[in-house]
C-alpha atoms as a PDB file:
ATOM      1  CA  PHE A   1     -17.010  59.631  44.751  1.00  0.00           C
ATOM      2  CA  SER A   2     -18.856  62.978  44.752  1.00  0.00           C
ATOM      3  CA  VAL A   3     -22.212  61.208  44.343  1.00  0.00           C
ATOM      4  CA  GLN A   4     -21.473  58.871  47.260  1.00  0.00           C
ATOM      5  CA  ARG A   5     -20.487  61.831  49.434  1.00  0.00           C
ATOM      6  CA  SER A   6     -23.689  63.752  48.617  1.00  0.00           C
ATOM      7  CA  MET A   7     -25.720  60.670  49.584  1.00  0.00           C
ATOM      8  CA  GLY A   8     -23.963  60.562  52.964  1.00  0.00           C
ATOM      9  CA  GLN A   9     -21.845  57.551  52.084  1.00  0.00           C
ATOM     10  CA  GLY A  10     -18.100  57.253  52.257  1.00  0.00           C
ATOM     11  CA  SER A  11     -15.836  55.952  49.566  1.00  0.00           C
ATOM     12  CA  THR A  12     -16.050  52.235  48.901  1.00  0.00           C
ATOM     13  CA  ASP A  13     -12.430  52.125  47.828  1.00  0.00           C
ATOM     14  CA  PRO A  14     -10.006  52.709  50.719  1.00  0.00           C
ATOM     15  CA  ASN A  15      -7.188  53.284  48.199  1.00  0.00           C
ATOM     16  CA  LEU A  16      -8.954  56.204  46.534  1.00  0.00           C
ATOM     17  CA  TYR A  17      -7.281  59.534  47.177  1.00  0.00           C
ATOM     18  CA  ARG A  18      -8.079  62.860  45.689  1.00  0.00           C
ATOM     19  CA  GLN A  19      -5.677  65.733  45.657  1.00  0.00           C
ATOM     20  CA  LEU A  20      -6.512  69.135  44.269  1.00  0.00           C
ATOM     21  CA  HIS A  21      -3.688  71.472  43.481  1.00  0.00           C
ATOM     22  CA  GLN A  22      -3.194  74.033  40.812  1.00  0.00           C
ATOM     23  CA  THR A  23      -0.094  73.892  38.738  1.00  0.00           C
ATOM     24  CA  ASN A  24       0.730  77.012  36.854  1.00  0.00           C
ATOM     25  CA  ARG A  25       3.615  76.234  34.579  1.00  0.00           C
ATOM     26  CA  ASP A  26       5.632  79.281  33.748  1.00  0.00           C
ATOM     27  CA  LEU A  27       7.873  77.669  31.138  1.00  0.00           C
ATOM     28  CA  SER A  28       8.863  78.326  27.528  1.00  0.00           C
ATOM     29  CA  THR A  29      10.850  75.674  25.647  1.00  0.00           C
ATOM     30  CA  LEU A  30      12.730  76.079  22.385  1.00  0.00           C
ATOM     31  CA  LEU A  31      14.051  73.000  20.631  1.00  0.00           C
ATOM     32  CA  LEU A  32      16.942  73.748  18.269  1.00  0.00           C
ATOM     33  CA  ALA A  33      17.680  70.893  15.840  1.00  0.00           C
ATOM     34  CA  ASP A  34      20.855  70.412  13.814  1.00  0.00           C
ATOM     35  CA  LEU A  35      19.879  70.017  10.150  1.00  0.00           C
ATOM     36  CA  SER A  36      23.413  69.931   8.715  1.00  0.00           C
ATOM     37  CA  LEU A  37      24.797  67.416   6.214  1.00  0.00           C
ATOM     38  CA  SER A  38      26.287  65.298   8.993  1.00  0.00           C
ATOM     39  CA  THR A  39      22.726  64.258   9.910  1.00  0.00           C
ATOM     40  CA  ASP A  40      22.517  62.466   6.550  1.00  0.00           C
ATOM     41  CA  ALA A  41      24.750  59.694   7.952  1.00  0.00           C
ATOM     42  CA  PHE A  42      23.340  56.216   8.470  1.00  0.00           C
ATOM     43  CA  ILE A  43      22.929  54.986  12.031  1.00  0.00           C
ATOM     44  CA  SER A  44      21.945  51.428  11.199  1.00  0.00           C
ATOM     45  CA  GLY A  45      20.347  49.705   8.258  1.00  0.00           C
ATOM     46  CA  ASP A  46      18.262  52.292   6.458  1.00  0.00           C
ATOM     47  CA  ARG A  47      17.937  54.780   9.366  1.00  0.00           C
ATOM     48  CA  LYS A  48      19.776  58.076   9.295  1.00  0.00           C
ATOM     49  CA  VAL A  49      20.451  60.663  11.993  1.00  0.00           C
ATOM     50  CA  ILE A  50      17.960  63.033  10.281  1.00  0.00           C
ATOM     51  CA  ASP A  51      15.256  60.350  10.650  1.00  0.00           C
ATOM     52  CA  VAL A  52      15.853  60.245  14.407  1.00  0.00           C
ATOM     53  CA  ILE A  53      15.783  64.053  14.567  1.00  0.00           C
ATOM     54  CA  ARG A  54      12.532  64.132  12.578  1.00  0.00           C
ATOM     55  CA  GLU A  55      10.941  61.505  14.871  1.00  0.00           C
ATOM     56  CA  SER A  56      12.154  63.388  17.946  1.00  0.00           C
ATOM     57  CA  LEU A  57      10.570  66.605  16.695  1.00  0.00           C
ATOM     58  CA  TYR A  58       7.272  64.804  16.082  1.00  0.00           C
ATOM     59  CA  ILE A  59       7.251  63.226  19.542  1.00  0.00           C
ATOM     60  CA  PHE A  60       8.297  66.495  21.193  1.00  0.00           C
ATOM     61  CA  GLY A  61       5.556  68.407  19.383  1.00  0.00           C
ATOM     62  CA  GLU A  62       2.837  65.863  20.097  1.00  0.00           C
ATOM     63  CA  CYS A  63       3.693  65.616  23.792  1.00  0.00           C
ATOM     64  CA  LEU A  64       4.126  69.299  24.537  1.00  0.00           C
ATOM     65  CA  SER A  65       1.049  70.206  22.529  1.00  0.00           C
ATOM     66  CA  ALA A  66      -1.059  67.623  24.414  1.00  0.00           C
ATOM     67  CA  ALA A  67       0.290  68.977  27.719  1.00  0.00           C
ATOM     68  CA  GLY A  68      -0.578  72.553  26.748  1.00  0.00           C
ATOM     69  CA  GLU A  69       3.024  73.728  27.030  1.00  0.00           C
ATOM     70  CA  ARG A  70       4.449  76.847  25.385  1.00  0.00           C
ATOM     71  CA  PHE A  71       7.126  75.775  22.884  1.00  0.00           C
ATOM     72  CA  SER A  72       8.908  76.488  19.641  1.00  0.00           C
ATOM     73  CA  MET A  73      10.744  74.107  17.304  1.00  0.00           C
ATOM     74  CA  THR A  74      13.539  75.332  15.072  1.00  0.00           C
ATOM     75  CA  GLY A  75      16.380  73.987  12.967  1.00  0.00           C
ATOM     76  CA  PHE A  76      19.679  75.321  11.700  1.00  0.00           C
ATOM     77  CA  ALA A  77      22.420  74.799   9.151  1.00  0.00           C
ATOM     78  CA  SER A  78      25.178  77.097   7.907  1.00  0.00           C
ATOM     79  CA  LYS A  79      27.416  77.936   5.011  1.00  0.00           C
ATOM     80  CA  LEU A  80      30.119  80.245   6.344  1.00  0.00           C
ATOM     81  CA  ARG A  81      29.604  82.809   9.085  1.00  0.00           C
ATOM     82  CA  SER A  82      27.591  85.136   6.861  1.00  0.00           C
ATOM     83  CA  HIS A  83      25.039  82.507   5.862  1.00  0.00           C
ATOM     84  CA  VAL A  84      23.579  80.764   8.917  1.00  0.00           C
ATOM     85  CA  ARG A  85      20.119  79.390   8.156  1.00  0.00           C
ATOM     86  CA  TYR A  86      17.586  79.300  10.976  1.00  0.00           C
ATOM     87  CA  TYR A  87      14.357  77.465  10.200  1.00  0.00           C
ATOM     88  CA  GLU A  88      11.289  78.099  12.326  1.00  0.00           C
ATOM     89  CA  LEU A  89       9.286  74.880  12.233  1.00  0.00           C
ATOM     90  CA  LYS A  90       6.851  76.035  14.925  1.00  0.00           C
ATOM     91  CA  GLY A  91       6.770  79.437  16.552  1.00  0.00           C
ATOM     92  CA  PHE A  92       5.728  80.086  20.141  1.00  0.00           C
ATOM     93  CA  GLU A  93       2.454  81.691  19.041  1.00  0.00           C
ATOM     94  CA  GLU A  94       1.677  78.991  16.493  1.00  0.00           C
ATOM     95  CA  THR A  95      -0.566  75.970  17.067  1.00  0.00           C
ATOM     96  CA  TYR A  96       0.985  72.545  16.630  1.00  0.00           C
ATOM     97  CA  ASP A  97      -1.038  71.207  13.700  1.00  0.00           C
ATOM     98  CA  ASP A  98      -0.702  69.513  10.311  1.00  0.00           C
ATOM     99  CA  THR A  99       1.080  72.554   8.855  1.00  0.00           C
ATOM    100  CA  VAL A 100       3.824  72.175  11.468  1.00  0.00           C
ATOM    101  CA  ARG A 101       3.902  68.385  11.036  1.00  0.00           C
ATOM    102  CA  ASN A 102       4.403  68.894   7.290  1.00  0.00           C
ATOM    103  CA  ARG A 103       7.302  71.290   7.937  1.00  0.00           C
ATOM    104  CA  ILE A 104       8.928  68.652  10.133  1.00  0.00           C
ATOM    105  CA  TYR A 105       8.362  65.987   7.491  1.00  0.00           C
ATOM    106  CA  ALA A 106      10.020  68.211   4.862  1.00  0.00           C
ATOM    107  CA  ILE A 107      13.300  68.827   6.722  1.00  0.00           C
ATOM    108  CA  LYS A 108      16.399  67.704   4.886  1.00  0.00           C
ATOM    109  CA  PRO A 109      20.092  67.795   5.765  1.00  0.00           C
ATOM    110  CA  ASN A 110      22.038  70.668   4.222  1.00  0.00           C
ATOM    111  CA  TYR A 111      25.250  72.596   4.611  1.00  0.00           C
ATOM    112  CA  TYR A 112      27.281  72.758   7.832  1.00  0.00           C
ATOM    113  CA  THR A 113      27.021  73.153  11.613  1.00  0.00           C
ATOM    114  CA  ARG A 114      27.887  76.633  12.900  1.00  0.00           C
ATOM    115  CA  MET A 115      26.348  75.788  16.246  1.00  0.00           C
ATOM    116  CA  GLY A 116      27.450  78.825  18.252  1.00  0.00           C
ATOM    117  CA  ALA A 117      25.645  81.276  15.970  1.00  0.00           C
ATOM    118  CA  ALA A 118      22.459  79.180  15.997  1.00  0.00           C
ATOM    119  CA  ILE A 119      22.513  78.925  19.799  1.00  0.00           C
ATOM    120  CA  ARG A 120      23.024  82.693  20.115  1.00  0.00           C
ATOM    121  CA  TYR A 121      20.044  83.394  17.843  1.00  0.00           C
ATOM    122  CA  ALA A 122      17.876  80.807  19.650  1.00  0.00           C
ATOM    123  CA  THR A 123      18.896  82.407  22.960  1.00  0.00           C
ATOM    124  CA  GLN A 124      17.777  85.795  21.677  1.00  0.00           C
ATOM    125  CA  ARG A 125      14.398  84.368  20.530  1.00  0.00           C
ATOM    126  CA  LEU A 126      13.806  82.451  23.760  1.00  0.00           C
ATOM    127  CA  SER A 127      14.855  85.395  25.955  1.00  0.00           C
ATOM    128  CA  MET A 128      11.982  87.440  24.496  1.00  0.00           C
ATOM    129  CA  GLN A 129       9.426  85.082  26.050  1.00  0.00           C
ATOM    130  CA  LYS A 130       7.599  86.438  29.093  1.00  0.00           C
ATOM    131  CA  THR A 131       7.920  83.316  31.234  1.00  0.00           C
ATOM    132  CA  GLY A 132       9.907  82.730  34.391  1.00  0.00           C
ATOM    133  CA  GLN A 133      11.664  79.604  33.152  1.00  0.00           C
ATOM    134  CA  LYS A 134      13.227  79.139  29.737  1.00  0.00           C
ATOM    135  CA  LEU A 135      14.541  75.827  28.459  1.00  0.00           C
ATOM    136  CA  LEU A 136      16.768  75.584  25.382  1.00  0.00           C
ATOM    137  CA  LEU A 137      17.000  72.012  24.054  1.00  0.00           C
ATOM    138  CA  ILE A 138      19.704  71.408  21.441  1.00  0.00           C
ATOM    139  CA  LEU A 139      19.350  68.282  19.312  1.00  0.00           C
ATOM    140  CA  THR A 140      22.567  67.549  17.422  1.00  0.00           C
ATOM    141  CA  ASP A 141      25.109  64.913  16.516  1.00  0.00           C
ATOM    142  CA  GLY A 142      27.471  67.214  18.386  1.00  0.00           C
ATOM    143  CA  LYS A 143      30.195  68.271  15.973  1.00  0.00           C
ATOM    144  CA  PRO A 144      30.341  71.969  15.086  1.00  0.00           C
ATOM    145  CA  ASN A 145      32.034  72.712  11.773  1.00  0.00           C
ATOM    146  CA  ASP A 146      31.861  74.953   8.707  1.00  0.00           C
ATOM    147  CA  LEU A 147      33.976  75.757   5.647  1.00  0.00           C
ATOM    148  CA  ASP A 148      35.936  78.658   7.160  1.00  0.00           C
ATOM    149  CA  GLN A 149      37.987  76.760   9.766  1.00  0.00           C
ATOM    150  CA  TYR A 150      35.017  76.615  12.159  1.00  0.00           C
ATOM    151  CA  GLU A 151      35.960  73.172  13.359  1.00  0.00           C
ATOM    152  CA  GLY A 152      37.905  71.373  16.044  1.00  0.00           C
ATOM    153  CA  ARG A 153      38.760  73.446  19.070  1.00  0.00           C
ATOM    154  CA  TYR A 154      37.570  76.741  17.546  1.00  0.00           C
ATOM    155  CA  GLY A 155      34.081  75.394  16.805  1.00  0.00           C
ATOM    156  CA  MET A 156      33.841  73.712  20.202  1.00  0.00           C
ATOM    157  CA  GLU A 157      34.937  76.857  22.058  1.00  0.00           C
ATOM    158  CA  ASP A 158      32.479  79.037  20.142  1.00  0.00           C
ATOM    159  CA  THR A 159      29.670  76.602  20.968  1.00  0.00           C
ATOM    160  CA  LYS A 160      30.739  76.505  24.619  1.00  0.00           C
ATOM    161  CA  HIS A 161      30.781  80.303  24.725  1.00  0.00           C
ATOM    162  CA  ALA A 162      27.249  80.447  23.240  1.00  0.00           C
ATOM    163  CA  VAL A 163      25.944  77.927  25.806  1.00  0.00           C
ATOM    164  CA  ASN A 164      27.520  79.897  28.672  1.00  0.00           C
ATOM    165  CA  ALA A 165      26.000  83.128  27.320  1.00  0.00           C
ATOM    166  CA  ALA A 166      22.577  81.406  27.255  1.00  0.00           C
ATOM    167  CA  ARG A 167      23.032  80.464  30.920  1.00  0.00           C
ATOM    168  CA  LYS A 168      23.914  84.082  31.778  1.00  0.00           C
ATOM    169  CA  GLU A 169      20.625  85.122  30.138  1.00  0.00           C
ATOM    170  CA  GLY A 170      18.800  82.865  32.592  1.00  0.00           C
ATOM    171  CA  LEU A 171      18.116  80.064  30.116  1.00  0.00           C
ATOM    172  CA  VAL A 172      18.617  76.397  30.874  1.00  0.00           C
ATOM    173  CA  PRO A 173      20.440  74.878  27.869  1.00  0.00           C
ATOM    174  CA  PHE A 174      20.452  71.108  27.473  1.00  0.00           C
ATOM    175  CA  CYS A 175      21.991  69.180  24.599  1.00  0.00           C
END
């Protein structure tokens, strides 16, 4: 099209449109994945919940990396309130590469699902980012529980409280 214009000719294709606009994305995204024992359950045939989580992390990483987005991928599992494990699969400053892919490949289900604590820690990490918009994606089978009566209504209320606190920090949580 540029060559035709410089030669004094118009476009030969009447359906050709060109639009120039700059898009500055001011977004940081943190994906928090449930890596508890409940993800070891079979969905169908030989596929487990953890397999779907692993595939989702791969797709998420490939897409956001290709788009040049700022993102982090993490996982969590717990064993009582004093032992919540938070796994950083890819940090915000880290490049999405084979090292990160290998970390994703190596994830395995373990322990329990103290979701409120993991969301609070992810909120703290995401809040430190210097972007205008912050998205917290939570990938889980959706049942918070742990050994110390962190289950049922108590676990749900703690998770709800953590999500509401994330919203108050200006984050957009989505599960």
